[in-house]
Amino acid sequence: ALVWTFGVTLSIFPTVISRIEPLGFWPVVPLGGAAGPAAPSALYRALFVPSLFVLFNAGDLLGRWLAALLPLVSDGRRLLALSCARLAFVPVTVACVLSSRAASSQ
């Protein structure tokens, strides 16, 4: 379970996470005048991926800390099932990368 968890995590982070581009709601900076399409500001774009790294590492730290304080899973089969469920994050993360690439190419 431990090797599987780290394998899935390292398949996503940092290689796939670093390719995600900001889409959606952001501080609006008009392109091509007041009536042009909006885009993320240069500061927002520069800090987007580093903020994902900080968020990932903070979640990792919190998860390890809570697992040490409150061991909720004592059954080996349940632990293995929860570890395999982590694989669901791979297509979700890849979909974020693909959607940001498709939107930026339009």
N, C-alpha and C. Protein backbone atom coordinates (compact mmCIF):
# COMPACT_ATOMS: atom_id res chain seq x y z
N ALA A 1 0.83 -1.20 0.00
CA ALA A 1 0.00 0.00 0.00
C ALA A 1 0.87 1.25 0.00
N LEU A 2 1.97 1.21 0.73
CA LEU A 2 2.84 2.38 0.81
C LEU A 2 3.52 2.64 -0.53
N VAL A 3 4.04 1.58 -1.16
CA VAL A 3 4.70 1.74 -2.46
C VAL A 3 3.70 2.21 -3.51
N TRP A 4 2.49 1.67 -3.48
CA TRP A 4 1.45 2.06 -4.43
C TRP A 4 1.10 3.53 -4.26
N THR A 5 0.92 3.97 -3.02
CA THR A 5 0.56 5.37 -2.75
C THR A 5 1.64 6.31 -3.25
N PHE A 6 2.89 6.02 -2.94
CA PHE A 6 3.97 6.88 -3.40
C PHE A 6 4.14 6.81 -4.91
N GLY A 7 3.92 5.65 -5.51
CA GLY A 7 4.01 5.51 -6.97
C GLY A 7 2.98 6.36 -7.69
N VAL A 8 1.74 6.31 -7.21
CA VAL A 8 0.67 7.12 -7.82
C VAL A 8 0.95 8.60 -7.59
N THR A 9 1.37 8.96 -6.40
CA THR A 9 1.65 10.36 -6.10
C THR A 9 2.76 10.90 -6.98
N LEU A 10 3.84 10.15 -7.11
CA LEU A 10 4.97 10.63 -7.90
C LEU A 10 4.71 10.57 -9.40
N SER A 11 3.68 9.83 -9.84
CA SER A 11 3.33 9.85 -11.25
C SER A 11 2.60 11.14 -11.62
N ILE A 12 2.00 11.79 -10.64
CA ILE A 12 1.26 13.03 -10.87
C ILE A 12 2.10 14.25 -10.48
N PHE A 13 2.75 14.16 -9.38
CA PHE A 13 3.45 15.31 -8.80
C PHE A 13 4.94 15.11 -8.93
N PRO A 14 5.70 15.99 -9.41
CA PRO A 14 5.42 17.33 -9.90
C PRO A 14 5.24 17.42 -11.41
N THR A 15 5.43 16.34 -12.15
CA THR A 15 5.47 16.44 -13.61
C THR A 15 4.15 16.91 -14.21
N VAL A 16 3.05 16.30 -13.83
CA VAL A 16 1.76 16.65 -14.42
C VAL A 16 1.24 17.94 -13.81
N ILE A 17 1.41 18.12 -12.52
CA ILE A 17 0.92 19.33 -11.84
C ILE A 17 1.56 20.58 -12.43
N SER A 18 2.83 20.52 -12.78
CA SER A 18 3.52 21.71 -13.29
C SER A 18 3.05 22.11 -14.69
N ARG A 19 2.30 21.26 -15.37
CA ARG A 19 1.80 21.58 -16.71
C ARG A 19 0.40 22.20 -16.69
N ILE A 20 -0.24 22.28 -15.54
CA ILE A 20 -1.58 22.86 -15.45
C ILE A 20 -1.47 24.37 -15.59
N GLU A 21 -2.33 24.94 -16.42
CA GLU A 21 -2.37 26.38 -16.61
C GLU A 21 -3.66 26.93 -16.01
N PRO A 22 -3.63 28.18 -15.54
CA PRO A 22 -4.84 28.74 -14.91
C PRO A 22 -5.95 28.96 -15.93
N LEU A 23 -7.14 28.52 -15.58
CA LEU A 23 -8.36 28.75 -16.35
C LEU A 23 -9.46 29.14 -15.39
N GLY A 24 -10.48 29.80 -15.89
CA GLY A 24 -11.63 30.10 -15.04
C GLY A 24 -11.57 31.49 -14.45
N PHE A 25 -11.83 31.61 -13.18
CA PHE A 25 -11.92 32.90 -12.52
C PHE A 25 -10.54 33.39 -12.12
N TRP A 26 -10.20 34.60 -12.49
CA TRP A 26 -8.93 35.19 -12.14
C TRP A 26 -9.06 36.70 -12.13
N PRO A 27 -8.09 37.38 -11.59
CA PRO A 27 -8.10 38.84 -11.69
C PRO A 27 -8.06 39.24 -13.16
N VAL A 28 -9.04 40.01 -13.59
CA VAL A 28 -9.21 40.29 -15.01
C VAL A 28 -8.26 41.39 -15.48
N VAL A 29 -7.54 41.09 -16.55
CA VAL A 29 -6.72 42.07 -17.26
C VAL A 29 -7.14 41.98 -18.71
N PRO A 30 -7.80 43.03 -19.25
CA PRO A 30 -8.29 42.94 -20.62
C PRO A 30 -7.15 42.86 -21.63
N LEU A 31 -7.34 42.05 -22.65
CA LEU A 31 -6.40 41.94 -23.75
C LEU A 31 -6.95 42.72 -24.93
N GLY A 32 -6.14 43.50 -25.58
CA GLY A 32 -6.56 44.21 -26.78
C GLY A 32 -7.60 45.28 -26.52
N GLY A 33 -7.55 45.94 -25.41
CA GLY A 33 -8.50 47.01 -25.12
C GLY A 33 -9.56 46.56 -24.14
N ALA A 34 -10.48 47.46 -23.86
CA ALA A 34 -11.51 47.22 -22.84
C ALA A 34 -12.50 46.14 -23.28
N ALA A 35 -12.71 45.98 -24.60
CA ALA A 35 -13.70 45.00 -25.06
C ALA A 35 -13.09 43.64 -25.36
N GLY A 36 -11.77 43.50 -25.20
CA GLY A 36 -11.10 42.24 -25.54
C GLY A 36 -11.35 41.17 -24.50
N PRO A 37 -10.92 39.93 -24.81
CA PRO A 37 -11.09 38.83 -23.85
C PRO A 37 -10.19 39.01 -22.64
N ALA A 38 -10.58 38.42 -21.55
CA ALA A 38 -9.82 38.55 -20.30
C ALA A 38 -8.79 37.43 -20.20
N ALA A 39 -7.71 37.72 -19.49
CA ALA A 39 -6.66 36.73 -19.27
C ALA A 39 -6.11 36.92 -17.87
N PRO A 40 -5.48 35.89 -17.32
CA PRO A 40 -4.89 36.06 -15.99
C PRO A 40 -3.76 37.08 -16.03
N SER A 41 -3.59 37.80 -14.93
CA SER A 41 -2.50 38.76 -14.86
C SER A 41 -1.17 38.02 -14.84
N ALA A 42 -0.10 38.76 -15.12
CA ALA A 42 1.24 38.14 -15.15
C ALA A 42 1.62 37.60 -13.78
N LEU A 43 1.29 38.31 -12.72
CA LEU A 43 1.59 37.85 -11.37
C LEU A 43 0.82 36.58 -11.04
N TYR A 44 -0.46 36.56 -11.39
CA TYR A 44 -1.28 35.37 -11.14
C TYR A 44 -0.74 34.17 -11.89
N ARG A 45 -0.40 34.37 -13.16
CA ARG A 45 0.14 33.27 -13.97
C ARG A 45 1.48 32.80 -13.41
N ALA A 46 2.30 33.72 -12.92
CA ALA A 46 3.61 33.35 -12.38
C ALA A 46 3.49 32.58 -11.07
N LEU A 47 2.46 32.87 -10.28
CA LEU A 47 2.32 32.24 -8.97
C LEU A 47 1.37 31.05 -8.97
N PHE A 48 0.75 30.73 -10.09
CA PHE A 48 -0.25 29.67 -10.12
C PHE A 48 0.36 28.30 -9.82
N VAL A 49 1.38 27.90 -10.56
CA VAL A 49 1.99 26.58 -10.36
C VAL A 49 2.68 26.49 -9.00
N PRO A 50 3.45 27.52 -8.57
CA PRO A 50 4.01 27.43 -7.22
C PRO A 50 2.94 27.31 -6.13
N SER A 51 1.78 27.93 -6.33
CA SER A 51 0.72 27.79 -5.33
C SER A 51 0.17 26.35 -5.32
N LEU A 52 0.15 25.69 -6.49
CA LEU A 52 -0.26 24.28 -6.53
C LEU A 52 0.73 23.41 -5.77
N PHE A 53 2.02 23.72 -5.89
CA PHE A 53 3.04 22.97 -5.16
C PHE A 53 2.87 23.16 -3.65
N VAL A 54 2.63 24.40 -3.23
CA VAL A 54 2.42 24.67 -1.80
C VAL A 54 1.17 23.96 -1.30
N LEU A 55 0.10 24.01 -2.07
CA LEU A 55 -1.15 23.35 -1.68
C LEU A 55 -0.96 21.84 -1.58
N PHE A 56 -0.26 21.24 -2.53
CA PHE A 56 0.00 19.81 -2.49
C PHE A 56 0.82 19.44 -1.26
N ASN A 57 1.89 20.17 -1.02
CA ASN A 57 2.76 19.85 0.12
C ASN A 57 2.07 20.09 1.45
N ALA A 58 1.22 21.12 1.53
CA ALA A 58 0.46 21.35 2.76
C ALA A 58 -0.54 20.21 3.01
N GLY A 59 -1.20 19.76 1.94
CA GLY A 59 -2.11 18.62 2.08
C GLY A 59 -1.39 17.34 2.45
N ASP A 60 -0.20 17.16 1.89
CA ASP A 60 0.60 15.98 2.23
C ASP A 60 1.01 16.02 3.70
N LEU A 61 1.45 17.17 4.16
CA LEU A 61 1.83 17.31 5.56
C LEU A 61 0.64 17.09 6.49
N LEU A 62 -0.49 17.69 6.15
CA LEU A 62 -1.69 17.52 6.97
C LEU A 62 -2.14 16.06 6.98
N GLY A 63 -2.09 15.40 5.83
CA GLY A 63 -2.48 14.00 5.77
C GLY A 63 -1.59 13.10 6.60
N ARG A 64 -0.30 13.34 6.54
CA ARG A 64 0.63 12.53 7.35
C ARG A 64 0.45 12.81 8.84
N TRP A 65 0.21 14.06 9.17
CA TRP A 65 0.02 14.43 10.58
C TRP A 65 -1.26 13.80 11.13
N LEU A 66 -2.35 13.88 10.36
CA LEU A 66 -3.61 13.29 10.82
C LEU A 66 -3.52 11.77 10.89
N ALA A 67 -2.81 11.15 9.95
CA ALA A 67 -2.66 9.69 9.98
C ALA A 67 -1.88 9.24 11.20
N ALA A 68 -0.93 10.06 11.64
CA ALA A 68 -0.17 9.71 12.84
C ALA A 68 -1.01 9.88 14.10
N LEU A 69 -1.87 10.90 14.11
CA LEU A 69 -2.70 11.15 15.29
C LEU A 69 -3.92 10.25 15.38
N LEU A 70 -4.57 10.03 14.23
CA LEU A 70 -5.83 9.28 14.20
C LEU A 70 -5.75 8.13 13.20
N PRO A 71 -5.14 7.03 13.55
CA PRO A 71 -5.11 5.91 12.59
C PRO A 71 -6.50 5.32 12.43
N LEU A 72 -7.15 5.60 11.29
CA LEU A 72 -8.53 5.19 11.08
C LEU A 72 -8.66 3.82 10.43
N VAL A 73 -7.63 3.36 9.76
CA VAL A 73 -7.70 2.10 9.02
C VAL A 73 -6.77 1.09 9.68
N SER A 74 -7.35 0.04 10.23
CA SER A 74 -6.53 -1.01 10.83
C SER A 74 -6.58 -2.30 10.01
N ASP A 75 -7.57 -2.42 9.13
CA ASP A 75 -7.73 -3.61 8.29
C ASP A 75 -6.86 -3.46 7.04
N GLY A 76 -6.09 -4.51 6.73
CA GLY A 76 -5.18 -4.47 5.59
C GLY A 76 -5.90 -4.37 4.26
N ARG A 77 -7.02 -5.06 4.10
CA ARG A 77 -7.76 -5.00 2.84
C ARG A 77 -8.35 -3.62 2.61
N ARG A 78 -8.86 -3.02 3.64
CA ARG A 78 -9.42 -1.67 3.52
C ARG A 78 -8.33 -0.66 3.18
N LEU A 79 -7.16 -0.83 3.79
CA LEU A 79 -6.03 0.05 3.49
C LEU A 79 -5.61 -0.09 2.03
N LEU A 80 -5.57 -1.30 1.52
CA LEU A 80 -5.22 -1.53 0.13
C LEU A 80 -6.27 -0.93 -0.81
N ALA A 81 -7.53 -1.08 -0.47
CA ALA A 81 -8.61 -0.51 -1.30
C ALA A 81 -8.52 1.02 -1.33
N LEU A 82 -8.27 1.64 -0.18
CA LEU A 82 -8.15 3.09 -0.15
C LEU A 82 -6.91 3.56 -0.91
N SER A 83 -5.85 2.78 -0.85
CA SER A 83 -4.64 3.13 -1.60
C SER A 83 -4.89 3.03 -3.10
N CYS A 84 -5.62 2.02 -3.53
CA CYS A 84 -5.94 1.87 -4.96
C CYS A 84 -6.92 2.95 -5.42
N ALA A 85 -7.78 3.42 -4.53
CA ALA A 85 -8.72 4.49 -4.88
C ALA A 85 -7.98 5.79 -5.21
N ARG A 86 -6.77 5.90 -4.73
CA ARG A 86 -5.97 7.09 -5.03
C ARG A 86 -5.67 7.20 -6.52
N LEU A 87 -5.74 6.08 -7.22
CA LEU A 87 -5.48 6.06 -8.66
C LEU A 87 -6.51 6.92 -9.41
N ALA A 88 -7.66 7.17 -8.83
CA ALA A 88 -8.69 8.00 -9.47
C ALA A 88 -8.21 9.43 -9.67
N PHE A 89 -7.22 9.87 -8.92
CA PHE A 89 -6.72 11.23 -9.09
C PHE A 89 -5.91 11.41 -10.37
N VAL A 90 -5.38 10.33 -10.92
CA VAL A 90 -4.55 10.44 -12.13
C VAL A 90 -5.37 10.96 -13.32
N PRO A 91 -6.51 10.34 -13.70
CA PRO A 91 -7.24 10.89 -14.84
C PRO A 91 -7.83 12.28 -14.58
N VAL A 92 -8.18 12.57 -13.35
CA VAL A 92 -8.70 13.90 -13.03
C VAL A 92 -7.62 14.96 -13.25
N THR A 93 -6.42 14.67 -12.78
CA THR A 93 -5.32 15.61 -12.95
C THR A 93 -4.92 15.76 -14.40
N VAL A 94 -4.87 14.65 -15.12
CA VAL A 94 -4.53 14.71 -16.55
C VAL A 94 -5.61 15.47 -17.31
N ALA A 95 -6.87 15.33 -16.92
CA ALA A 95 -7.95 16.09 -17.55
C ALA A 95 -7.77 17.60 -17.33
N CYS A 96 -7.27 17.98 -16.18
CA CYS A 96 -6.99 19.40 -15.93
C CYS A 96 -5.93 19.91 -16.89
N VAL A 97 -4.91 19.12 -17.11
CA VAL A 97 -3.84 19.52 -18.03
C VAL A 97 -4.37 19.60 -19.45
N LEU A 98 -5.14 18.60 -19.87
CA LEU A 98 -5.65 18.59 -21.23
C LEU A 98 -6.62 19.73 -21.47
N SER A 99 -7.48 20.02 -20.51
CA SER A 99 -8.44 21.11 -20.69
C SER A 99 -7.73 22.46 -20.73
N SER A 100 -6.68 22.62 -19.93
CA SER A 100 -5.96 23.90 -19.96
C SER A 100 -5.18 24.05 -21.26
N ARG A 101 -4.66 22.96 -21.80
CA ARG A 101 -3.94 23.02 -23.09
C ARG A 101 -4.92 23.32 -24.22
N ALA A 102 -6.09 22.69 -24.21
CA ALA A 102 -7.07 22.92 -25.27
C ALA A 102 -7.58 24.35 -25.23
N ALA A 103 -7.80 24.88 -24.04
CA ALA A 103 -8.31 26.25 -23.93
C ALA A 103 -7.26 27.27 -24.34
N SER A 104 -6.00 27.00 -24.03
CA SER A 104 -4.96 27.96 -24.37
C SER A 104 -4.63 27.93 -25.86
N SER A 105 -4.97 26.85 -26.57
CA SER A 105 -4.69 26.78 -28.00
C SER A 105 -5.79 27.43 -28.83
N GLN A 106 -6.92 27.74 -28.23
CA GLN A 106 -8.04 28.35 -28.98
C GLN A 106 -7.88 29.84 -29.11
